Amino acid sequence: KLIPKPKGEAGHPGSGGYSLQEVLAWSEKTYETVVVSTCLIMHLAKKKCLDLSKSYSKQDKKLVKEICEEVRKEYHILDNYKNYWPVHDMLKLHL
C-alpha cells in the first residue's frame, strides 16, 4: 500500500502543515541527497520551460510530472509514496 500525503502543507508545521523531513523519517543523508537531486533536475528542467519565477501551482503540469519521474528513477524509495508526493512537496518548497 502506498503512503498517502499528509494533510496540510510541507514547510508549515506550526500552522496545520508538517515538516517534510520529519514526516518522511528518512536518514538525513537520504533526505538531503533526494532534495539536492530534485533541485538539480528542477534547474535542468528550466531549459524545458520550467519558470523559476513562478510558483509550483503555475508550472506546466506535464513538466512537473516529468521531473517527478526523473527523481523517482534515481530514488526508488519514492515508489512507496502515492503520486510521488514527497517530490511534489520538494518542488513546492523551492519554487
PDB file of N, CA and C in Angstrom:
ATOM      1  N   LYS A   1       0.854  -1.186   0.000  1.00  0.00           N
ATOM      2  CA  LYS A   1       0.000   0.000   0.000  1.00  0.00           C
ATOM      3  C   LYS A   1       0.895   1.243   0.000  1.00  0.00           C
ATOM      4  N   LEU A   2       0.504   2.205  -0.819  1.00  0.00           N
ATOM      5  CA  LEU A   2       1.282   3.433  -0.933  1.00  0.00           C
ATOM      6  C   LEU A   2       1.010   4.381   0.238  1.00  0.00           C
ATOM      7  N   ILE A   3       2.026   5.126   0.607  1.00  0.00           N
ATOM      8  CA  ILE A   3       1.912   6.082   1.706  1.00  0.00           C
ATOM      9  C   ILE A   3       1.249   7.358   1.177  1.00  0.00           C
ATOM     10  N   PRO A   4       0.097   7.734   1.754  1.00  0.00           N
ATOM     11  CA  PRO A   4      -0.587   8.946   1.275  1.00  0.00           C
ATOM     12  C   PRO A   4       0.102  10.210   1.778  1.00  0.00           C
ATOM     13  N   LYS A   5      -0.164  11.298   1.101  1.00  0.00           N
ATOM     14  CA  LYS A   5       0.366  12.597   1.508  1.00  0.00           C
ATOM     15  C   LYS A   5      -0.359  13.029   2.778  1.00  0.00           C
ATOM     16  N   PRO A   6       0.375  13.545   3.753  1.00  0.00           N
ATOM     17  CA  PRO A   6      -0.289  14.036   4.965  1.00  0.00           C
ATOM     18  C   PRO A   6      -1.120  15.289   4.679  1.00  0.00           C
ATOM     19  N   LYS A   7      -2.017  15.582   5.586  1.00  0.00           N
ATOM     20  CA  LYS A   7      -2.822  16.801   5.446  1.00  0.00           C
ATOM     21  C   LYS A   7      -1.948  18.010   5.728  1.00  0.00           C
ATOM     22  N   GLY A   8      -2.291  19.103   5.108  1.00  0.00           N
ATOM     23  CA  GLY A   8      -1.547  20.335   5.313  1.00  0.00           C
ATOM     24  C   GLY A   8      -0.471  20.516   4.261  1.00  0.00           C
ATOM     25  N   GLU A   9       0.364  21.527   4.501  1.00  0.00           N
ATOM     26  CA  GLU A   9       1.409  21.882   3.544  1.00  0.00           C
ATOM     27  C   GLU A   9       2.779  21.672   4.149  1.00  0.00           C
ATOM     28  N   ALA A  10       3.692  21.151   3.359  1.00  0.00           N
ATOM     29  CA  ALA A  10       5.072  20.994   3.812  1.00  0.00           C
ATOM     30  C   ALA A  10       5.670  22.366   4.079  1.00  0.00           C
ATOM     31  N   GLY A  11       6.485  22.435   5.114  1.00  0.00           N
ATOM     32  CA  GLY A  11       7.150  23.689   5.429  1.00  0.00           C
ATOM     33  C   GLY A  11       6.367  24.595   6.358  1.00  0.00           C
ATOM     34  N   HIS A  12       5.182  24.139   6.790  1.00  0.00           N
ATOM     35  CA  HIS A  12       4.342  24.950   7.682  1.00  0.00           C
ATOM     36  C   HIS A  12       3.895  24.134   8.898  1.00  0.00           C
ATOM     37  N   PRO A  13       4.852  23.576   9.655  1.00  0.00           N
ATOM     38  CA  PRO A  13       4.453  22.707  10.768  1.00  0.00           C
ATOM     39  C   PRO A  13       3.686  23.419  11.882  1.00  0.00           C
ATOM     40  N   GLY A  14       3.871  24.712  12.039  1.00  0.00           N
ATOM     41  CA  GLY A  14       3.184  25.437  13.103  1.00  0.00           C
ATOM     42  C   GLY A  14       1.783  25.883  12.758  1.00  0.00           C
ATOM     43  N   SER A  15       1.399  25.750  11.497  1.00  0.00           N
ATOM     44  CA  SER A  15       0.075  26.240  11.090  1.00  0.00           C
ATOM     45  C   SER A  15      -0.705  25.186  10.315  1.00  0.00           C
ATOM     46  N   GLY A  16      -0.757  23.988  10.874  1.00  0.00           N
ATOM     47  CA  GLY A  16      -1.548  22.923  10.273  1.00  0.00           C
ATOM     48  C   GLY A  16      -0.817  22.107   9.225  1.00  0.00           C
ATOM     49  N   GLY A  17       0.429  22.427   8.977  1.00  0.00           N
ATOM     50  CA  GLY A  17       1.212  21.684   7.992  1.00  0.00           C
ATOM     51  C   GLY A  17       2.174  20.727   8.672  1.00  0.00           C
ATOM     52  N   TYR A  18       3.276  20.442   8.015  1.00  0.00           N
ATOM     53  CA  TYR A  18       4.219  19.463   8.545  1.00  0.00           C
ATOM     54  C   TYR A  18       5.629  19.742   8.041  1.00  0.00           C
ATOM     55  N   SER A  19       6.578  19.176   8.754  1.00  0.00           N
ATOM     56  CA  SER A  19       7.971  19.204   8.326  1.00  0.00           C
ATOM     57  C   SER A  19       8.174  17.993   7.427  1.00  0.00           C
ATOM     58  N   LEU A  20       8.518  18.224   6.181  1.00  0.00           N
ATOM     59  CA  LEU A  20       8.684  17.125   5.230  1.00  0.00           C
ATOM     60  C   LEU A  20       9.725  16.132   5.727  1.00  0.00           C
ATOM     61  N   GLN A  21      10.833  16.626   6.219  1.00  0.00           N
ATOM     62  CA  GLN A  21      11.899  15.737   6.681  1.00  0.00           C
ATOM     63  C   GLN A  21      11.425  14.855   7.835  1.00  0.00           C
ATOM     64  N   GLU A  22      10.673  15.415   8.762  1.00  0.00           N
ATOM     65  CA  GLU A  22      10.167  14.629   9.894  1.00  0.00           C
ATOM     66  C   GLU A  22       9.138  13.600   9.451  1.00  0.00           C
ATOM     67  N   VAL A  23       8.241  13.986   8.562  1.00  0.00           N
ATOM     68  CA  VAL A  23       7.191  13.074   8.101  1.00  0.00           C
ATOM     69  C   VAL A  23       7.786  11.889   7.342  1.00  0.00           C
ATOM     70  N   LEU A  24       8.781  12.152   6.513  1.00  0.00           N
ATOM     71  CA  LEU A  24       9.381  11.073   5.730  1.00  0.00           C
ATOM     72  C   LEU A  24      10.179  10.119   6.607  1.00  0.00           C
ATOM     73  N   ALA A  25      10.797  10.645   7.657  1.00  0.00           N
ATOM     74  CA  ALA A  25      11.603   9.840   8.582  1.00  0.00           C
ATOM     75  C   ALA A  25      12.725   9.083   7.868  1.00  0.00           C
ATOM     76  N   TRP A  26      13.250   9.676   6.803  1.00  0.00           N
ATOM     77  CA  TRP A  26      14.404   9.107   6.115  1.00  0.00           C
ATOM     78  C   TRP A  26      15.648   9.521   6.887  1.00  0.00           C
ATOM     79  N   SER A  27      16.758   8.844   6.621  1.00  0.00           N
ATOM     80  CA  SER A  27      18.013   9.294   7.217  1.00  0.00           C
ATOM     81  C   SER A  27      18.308  10.691   6.676  1.00  0.00           C
ATOM     82  N   GLU A  28      19.083  11.456   7.421  1.00  0.00           N
ATOM     83  CA  GLU A  28      19.403  12.813   6.974  1.00  0.00           C
ATOM     84  C   GLU A  28      20.120  12.780   5.626  1.00  0.00           C
ATOM     85  N   LYS A  29      20.997  11.797   5.456  1.00  0.00           N
ATOM     86  CA  LYS A  29      21.750  11.680   4.200  1.00  0.00           C
ATOM     87  C   LYS A  29      20.812  11.414   3.023  1.00  0.00           C
ATOM     88  N   THR A  30      19.877  10.486   3.196  1.00  0.00           N
ATOM     89  CA  THR A  30      18.927  10.173   2.121  1.00  0.00           C
ATOM     90  C   THR A  30      18.081  11.393   1.792  1.00  0.00           C
ATOM     91  N   TYR A  31      17.569  12.054   2.818  1.00  0.00           N
ATOM     92  CA  TYR A  31      16.726  13.230   2.604  1.00  0.00           C
ATOM     93  C   TYR A  31      17.490  14.302   1.834  1.00  0.00           C
ATOM     94  N   GLU A  32      18.684  14.628   2.299  1.00  0.00           N
ATOM     95  CA  GLU A  32      19.477  15.678   1.647  1.00  0.00           C
ATOM     96  C   GLU A  32      19.825  15.306   0.210  1.00  0.00           C
ATOM     97  N   THR A  33      20.153  14.045  -0.023  1.00  0.00           N
ATOM     98  CA  THR A  33      20.506  13.592  -1.367  1.00  0.00           C
ATOM     99  C   THR A  33      19.331  13.737  -2.324  1.00  0.00           C
ATOM    100  N   VAL A  34      18.141  13.336  -1.888  1.00  0.00           N
ATOM    101  CA  VAL A  34      16.955  13.432  -2.742  1.00  0.00           C
ATOM    102  C   VAL A  34      16.588  14.902  -2.976  1.00  0.00           C
ATOM    103  N   VAL A  35      16.699  15.737  -1.960  1.00  0.00           N
ATOM    104  CA  VAL A  35      16.400  17.164  -2.124  1.00  0.00           C
ATOM    105  C   VAL A  35      17.356  17.795  -3.132  1.00  0.00           C
ATOM    106  N   VAL A  36      18.649  17.526  -2.984  1.00  0.00           N
ATOM    107  CA  VAL A  36      19.639  18.098  -3.903  1.00  0.00           C
ATOM    108  C   VAL A  36      19.382  17.614  -5.326  1.00  0.00           C
ATOM    109  N   SER A  37      19.106  16.332  -5.498  1.00  0.00           N
ATOM    110  CA  SER A  37      18.819  15.798  -6.834  1.00  0.00           C
ATOM    111  C   SER A  37      17.572  16.426  -7.428  1.00  0.00           C
ATOM    112  N   THR A  38      16.540  16.599  -6.612  1.00  0.00           N
ATOM    113  CA  THR A  38      15.311  17.236  -7.081  1.00  0.00           C
ATOM    114  C   THR A  38      15.603  18.658  -7.554  1.00  0.00           C
ATOM    115  N   CYS A  39      16.395  19.382  -6.786  1.00  0.00           N
ATOM    116  CA  CYS A  39      16.747  20.761  -7.174  1.00  0.00           C
ATOM    117  C   CYS A  39      17.564  20.784  -8.462  1.00  0.00           C
ATOM    118  N   LEU A  40      18.510  19.868  -8.589  1.00  0.00           N
ATOM    119  CA  LEU A  40      19.315  19.812  -9.815  1.00  0.00           C
ATOM    120  C   LEU A  40      18.449  19.516 -11.029  1.00  0.00           C
ATOM    121  N   ILE A  41      17.575  18.538 -10.900  1.00  0.00           N
ATOM    122  CA  ILE A  41      16.688  18.179 -12.011  1.00  0.00           C
ATOM    123  C   ILE A  41      15.750  19.345 -12.318  1.00  0.00           C
ATOM    124  N   MET A  42      15.279  20.022 -11.284  1.00  0.00           N
ATOM    125  CA  MET A  42      14.399  21.174 -11.476  1.00  0.00           C
ATOM    126  C   MET A  42      15.125  22.272 -12.249  1.00  0.00           C
ATOM    127  N   HIS A  43      16.368  22.543 -11.882  1.00  0.00           N
ATOM    128  CA  HIS A  43      17.116  23.601 -12.572  1.00  0.00           C
ATOM    129  C   HIS A  43      17.465  23.209 -14.006  1.00  0.00           C
ATOM    130  N   LEU A  44      17.719  21.937 -14.240  1.00  0.00           N
ATOM    131  CA  LEU A  44      17.941  21.481 -15.614  1.00  0.00           C
ATOM    132  C   LEU A  44      16.659  21.612 -16.426  1.00  0.00           C
ATOM    133  N   ALA A  45      15.527  21.376 -15.770  1.00  0.00           N
ATOM    134  CA  ALA A  45      14.233  21.435 -16.454  1.00  0.00           C
ATOM    135  C   ALA A  45      13.848  22.858 -16.835  1.00  0.00           C
ATOM    136  N   LYS A  46      14.468  23.846 -16.208  1.00  0.00           N
ATOM    137  CA  LYS A  46      14.095  25.222 -16.563  1.00  0.00           C
ATOM    138  C   LYS A  46      14.400  25.489 -18.028  1.00  0.00           C
ATOM    139  N   LYS A  47      15.327  24.724 -18.587  1.00  0.00           N
ATOM    140  CA  LYS A  47      15.609  24.843 -20.017  1.00  0.00           C
ATOM    141  C   LYS A  47      14.454  24.293 -20.847  1.00  0.00           C
ATOM    142  N   LYS A  48      13.584  23.502 -20.212  1.00  0.00           N
ATOM    143  CA  LYS A  48      12.427  22.919 -20.899  1.00  0.00           C
ATOM    144  C   LYS A  48      11.142  23.665 -20.533  1.00  0.00           C
ATOM    145  N   CYS A  49      11.249  24.904 -20.147  1.00  0.00           N
ATOM    146  CA  CYS A  49      10.083  25.758 -19.871  1.00  0.00           C
ATOM    147  C   CYS A  49       9.649  25.821 -18.413  1.00  0.00           C
ATOM    148  N   LEU A  50      10.381  25.232 -17.483  1.00  0.00           N
ATOM    149  CA  LEU A  50      10.045  25.436 -16.082  1.00  0.00           C
ATOM    150  C   LEU A  50      10.436  26.869 -15.745  1.00  0.00           C
ATOM    151  N   ASP A  51       9.503  27.632 -15.230  1.00  0.00           N
ATOM    152  CA  ASP A  51       9.736  29.044 -14.939  1.00  0.00           C
ATOM    153  C   ASP A  51       9.964  29.219 -13.442  1.00  0.00           C
ATOM    154  N   LEU A  52      11.225  29.428 -13.052  1.00  0.00           N
ATOM    155  CA  LEU A  52      11.570  29.527 -11.638  1.00  0.00           C
ATOM    156  C   LEU A  52      11.042  30.795 -10.978  1.00  0.00           C
ATOM    157  N   SER A  53      10.515  31.718 -11.770  1.00  0.00           N
ATOM    158  CA  SER A  53       9.934  32.932 -11.189  1.00  0.00           C
ATOM    159  C   SER A  53       8.469  32.718 -10.802  1.00  0.00           C
ATOM    160  N   LYS A  54       7.920  31.560 -11.166  1.00  0.00           N
ATOM    161  CA  LYS A  54       6.517  31.259 -10.863  1.00  0.00           C
ATOM    162  C   LYS A  54       6.422  30.202  -9.771  1.00  0.00           C
ATOM    163  N   SER A  55       5.307  30.220  -9.068  1.00  0.00           N
ATOM    164  CA  SER A  55       5.074  29.233  -8.017  1.00  0.00           C
ATOM    165  C   SER A  55       4.794  27.861  -8.628  1.00  0.00           C
ATOM    166  N   TYR A  56       4.815  26.860  -7.773  1.00  0.00           N
ATOM    167  CA  TYR A  56       4.561  25.479  -8.185  1.00  0.00           C
ATOM    168  C   TYR A  56       3.230  25.361  -8.931  1.00  0.00           C
ATOM    169  N   SER A  57       2.199  25.990  -8.402  1.00  0.00           N
ATOM    170  CA  SER A  57       0.858  25.852  -8.991  1.00  0.00           C
ATOM    171  C   SER A  57       0.751  26.454 -10.389  1.00  0.00           C
ATOM    172  N   LYS A  58       1.682  27.319 -10.758  1.00  0.00           N
ATOM    173  CA  LYS A  58       1.658  27.970 -12.076  1.00  0.00           C
ATOM    174  C   LYS A  58       2.547  27.260 -13.101  1.00  0.00           C
ATOM    175  N   GLN A  59       3.181  26.156 -12.698  1.00  0.00           N
ATOM    176  CA  GLN A  59       4.077  25.437 -13.603  1.00  0.00           C
ATOM    177  C   GLN A  59       3.299  24.512 -14.540  1.00  0.00           C
ATOM    178  N   ASP A  60       3.923  24.154 -15.635  1.00  0.00           N
ATOM    179  CA  ASP A  60       3.365  23.197 -16.592  1.00  0.00           C
ATOM    180  C   ASP A  60       3.265  21.833 -15.903  1.00  0.00           C
ATOM    181  N   LYS A  61       2.058  21.308 -15.780  1.00  0.00           N
ATOM    182  CA  LYS A  61       1.820  20.048 -15.059  1.00  0.00           C
ATOM    183  C   LYS A  61       2.578  18.876 -15.682  1.00  0.00           C
ATOM    184  N   LYS A  62       2.662  18.874 -17.000  1.00  0.00           N
ATOM    185  CA  LYS A  62       3.374  17.793 -17.685  1.00  0.00           C
ATOM    186  C   LYS A  62       4.856  17.817 -17.322  1.00  0.00           C
ATOM    187  N   LEU A  63       5.428  18.994 -17.270  1.00  0.00           N
ATOM    188  CA  LEU A  63       6.839  19.129 -16.927  1.00  0.00           C
ATOM    189  C   LEU A  63       7.086  18.739 -15.469  1.00  0.00           C
ATOM    190  N   VAL A  64       6.193  19.119 -14.578  1.00  0.00           N
ATOM    191  CA  VAL A  64       6.310  18.730 -13.171  1.00  0.00           C
ATOM    192  C   VAL A  64       6.282  17.212 -13.058  1.00  0.00           C
ATOM    193  N   LYS A  65       5.396  16.582 -13.802  1.00  0.00           N
ATOM    194  CA  LYS A  65       5.308  15.120 -13.783  1.00  0.00           C
ATOM    195  C   LYS A  65       6.610  14.498 -14.288  1.00  0.00           C
ATOM    196  N   GLU A  66       7.188  15.073 -15.339  1.00  0.00           N
ATOM    197  CA  GLU A  66       8.456  14.570 -15.870  1.00  0.00           C
ATOM    198  C   GLU A  66       9.570  14.682 -14.833  1.00  0.00           C
ATOM    199  N   ILE A  67       9.602  15.785 -14.110  1.00  0.00           N
ATOM    200  CA  ILE A  67      10.613  15.972 -13.067  1.00  0.00           C
ATOM    201  C   ILE A  67      10.439  14.911 -11.984  1.00  0.00           C
ATOM    202  N   CYS A  68       9.206  14.691 -11.572  1.00  0.00           N
ATOM    203  CA  CYS A  68       8.933  13.676 -10.547  1.00  0.00           C
ATOM    204  C   CYS A  68       9.380  12.298 -11.014  1.00  0.00           C
ATOM    205  N   GLU A  69       9.127  11.983 -12.264  1.00  0.00           N
ATOM    206  CA  GLU A  69       9.545  10.693 -12.821  1.00  0.00           C
ATOM    207  C   GLU A  69      11.065  10.564 -12.848  1.00  0.00           C
ATOM    208  N   GLU A  70      11.753  11.639 -13.199  1.00  0.00           N
ATOM    209  CA  GLU A  70      13.220  11.612 -13.235  1.00  0.00           C
ATOM    210  C   GLU A  70      13.791  11.346 -11.844  1.00  0.00           C
ATOM    211  N   VAL A  71      13.249  12.023 -10.846  1.00  0.00           N
ATOM    212  CA  VAL A  71      13.730  11.818  -9.479  1.00  0.00           C
ATOM    213  C   VAL A  71      13.405  10.400  -9.024  1.00  0.00           C
ATOM    214  N   ARG A  72      12.206   9.916  -9.349  1.00  0.00           N
ATOM    215  CA  ARG A  72      11.812   8.562  -8.957  1.00  0.00           C
ATOM    216  C   ARG A  72      12.720   7.511  -9.569  1.00  0.00           C
ATOM    217  N   LYS A  73      13.159   7.732 -10.802  1.00  0.00           N
ATOM    218  CA  LYS A  73      14.069   6.783 -11.451  1.00  0.00           C
ATOM    219  C   LYS A  73      15.370   6.644 -10.668  1.00  0.00           C
ATOM    220  N   GLU A  74      15.802   7.740 -10.068  1.00  0.00           N
ATOM    221  CA  GLU A  74      17.051   7.739  -9.298  1.00  0.00           C
ATOM    222  C   GLU A  74      16.860   7.188  -7.886  1.00  0.00           C
ATOM    223  N   TYR A  75      15.687   7.389  -7.317  1.00  0.00           N
ATOM    224  CA  TYR A  75      15.435   7.037  -5.917  1.00  0.00           C
ATOM    225  C   TYR A  75      14.156   6.210  -5.806  1.00  0.00           C
ATOM    226  N   HIS A  76      14.316   4.906  -5.835  1.00  0.00           N
ATOM    227  CA  HIS A  76      13.160   4.005  -5.830  1.00  0.00           C
ATOM    228  C   HIS A  76      12.404   4.006  -4.505  1.00  0.00           C
ATOM    229  N   ILE A  77      12.981   4.613  -3.481  1.00  0.00           N
ATOM    230  CA  ILE A  77      12.258   4.764  -2.218  1.00  0.00           C
ATOM    231  C   ILE A  77      10.950   5.518  -2.460  1.00  0.00           C
ATOM    232  N   LEU A  78      10.926   6.345  -3.491  1.00  0.00           N
ATOM    233  CA  LEU A  78       9.734   7.143  -3.807  1.00  0.00           C
ATOM    234  C   LEU A  78       8.586   6.306  -4.348  1.00  0.00           C
ATOM    235  N   ASP A  79       8.872   5.075  -4.755  1.00  0.00           N
ATOM    236  CA  ASP A  79       7.807   4.186  -5.224  1.00  0.00           C
ATOM    237  C   ASP A  79       6.810   3.869  -4.110  1.00  0.00           C
ATOM    238  N   ASN A  80       7.198   4.122  -2.865  1.00  0.00           N
ATOM    239  CA  ASN A  80       6.331   3.846  -1.719  1.00  0.00           C
ATOM    240  C   ASN A  80       5.301   4.939  -1.459  1.00  0.00           C
ATOM    241  N   TYR A  81       5.397   6.044  -2.189  1.00  0.00           N
ATOM    242  CA  TYR A  81       4.562   7.213  -1.911  1.00  0.00           C
ATOM    243  C   TYR A  81       3.583   7.488  -3.042  1.00  0.00           C
ATOM    244  N   LYS A  82       2.331   7.648  -2.676  1.00  0.00           N
ATOM    245  CA  LYS A  82       1.275   7.915  -3.650  1.00  0.00           C
ATOM    246  C   LYS A  82       1.604   9.166  -4.463  1.00  0.00           C
ATOM    247  N   ASN A  83       1.597   9.012  -5.773  1.00  0.00           N
ATOM    248  CA  ASN A  83       1.868  10.113  -6.714  1.00  0.00           C
ATOM    249  C   ASN A  83       3.192  10.828  -6.452  1.00  0.00           C
ATOM    250  N   TYR A  84       4.121  10.128  -5.796  1.00  0.00           N
ATOM    251  CA  TYR A  84       5.454  10.695  -5.506  1.00  0.00           C
ATOM    252  C   TYR A  84       5.336  12.037  -4.797  1.00  0.00           C
ATOM    253  N   TRP A  85       4.394  12.140  -3.866  1.00  0.00           N
ATOM    254  CA  TRP A  85       4.128  13.424  -3.210  1.00  0.00           C
ATOM    255  C   TRP A  85       5.349  14.054  -2.553  1.00  0.00           C
ATOM    256  N   PRO A  86       6.336  13.287  -2.051  1.00  0.00           N
ATOM    257  CA  PRO A  86       7.497  13.986  -1.484  1.00  0.00           C
ATOM    258  C   PRO A  86       8.221  14.868  -2.510  1.00  0.00           C
ATOM    259  N   VAL A  87       8.285  14.417  -3.759  1.00  0.00           N
ATOM    260  CA  VAL A  87       8.953  15.216  -4.791  1.00  0.00           C
ATOM    261  C   VAL A  87       8.135  16.471  -5.085  1.00  0.00           C
ATOM    262  N   HIS A  88       6.833  16.327  -5.166  1.00  0.00           N
ATOM    263  CA  HIS A  88       5.971  17.499  -5.378  1.00  0.00           C
ATOM    264  C   HIS A  88       6.188  18.509  -4.248  1.00  0.00           C
ATOM    265  N   ASP A  89       6.262  18.010  -3.009  1.00  0.00           N
ATOM    266  CA  ASP A  89       6.478  18.914  -1.879  1.00  0.00           C
ATOM    267  C   ASP A  89       7.843  19.587  -1.957  1.00  0.00           C
ATOM    268  N   MET A  90       8.859  18.851  -2.363  1.00  0.00           N
ATOM    269  CA  MET A  90      10.195  19.442  -2.504  1.00  0.00           C
ATOM    270  C   MET A  90      10.181  20.548  -3.553  1.00  0.00           C
ATOM    271  N   LEU A  91       9.473  20.307  -4.641  1.00  0.00           N
ATOM    272  CA  LEU A  91       9.361  21.337  -5.678  1.00  0.00           C
ATOM    273  C   LEU A  91       8.620  22.564  -5.145  1.00  0.00           C
ATOM    274  N   LYS A  92       7.536  22.325  -4.410  1.00  0.00           N
ATOM    275  CA  LYS A  92       6.773  23.445  -3.847  1.00  0.00           C
ATOM    276  C   LYS A  92       7.640  24.290  -2.924  1.00  0.00           C
ATOM    277  N   LEU A  93       8.505  23.634  -2.164  1.00  0.00           N
ATOM    278  CA  LEU A  93       9.360  24.357  -1.224  1.00  0.00           C
ATOM    279  C   LEU A  93      10.436  25.180  -1.928  1.00  0.00           C
ATOM    280  N   HIS A  94      10.751  24.816  -3.169  1.00  0.00           N
ATOM    281  CA  HIS A  94      11.827  25.504  -3.883  1.00  0.00           C
ATOM    282  C   HIS A  94      11.349  26.407  -5.016  1.00  0.00           C
ATOM    283  N   LEU A  95      10.062  26.460  -5.246  1.00  0.00           N
ATOM    284  CA  LEU A  95       9.531  27.351  -6.293  1.00  0.00           C
ATOM    285  C   LEU A  95       8.746  28.488  -5.667  1.00  0.00           C
TER     286      LEU A  95
END
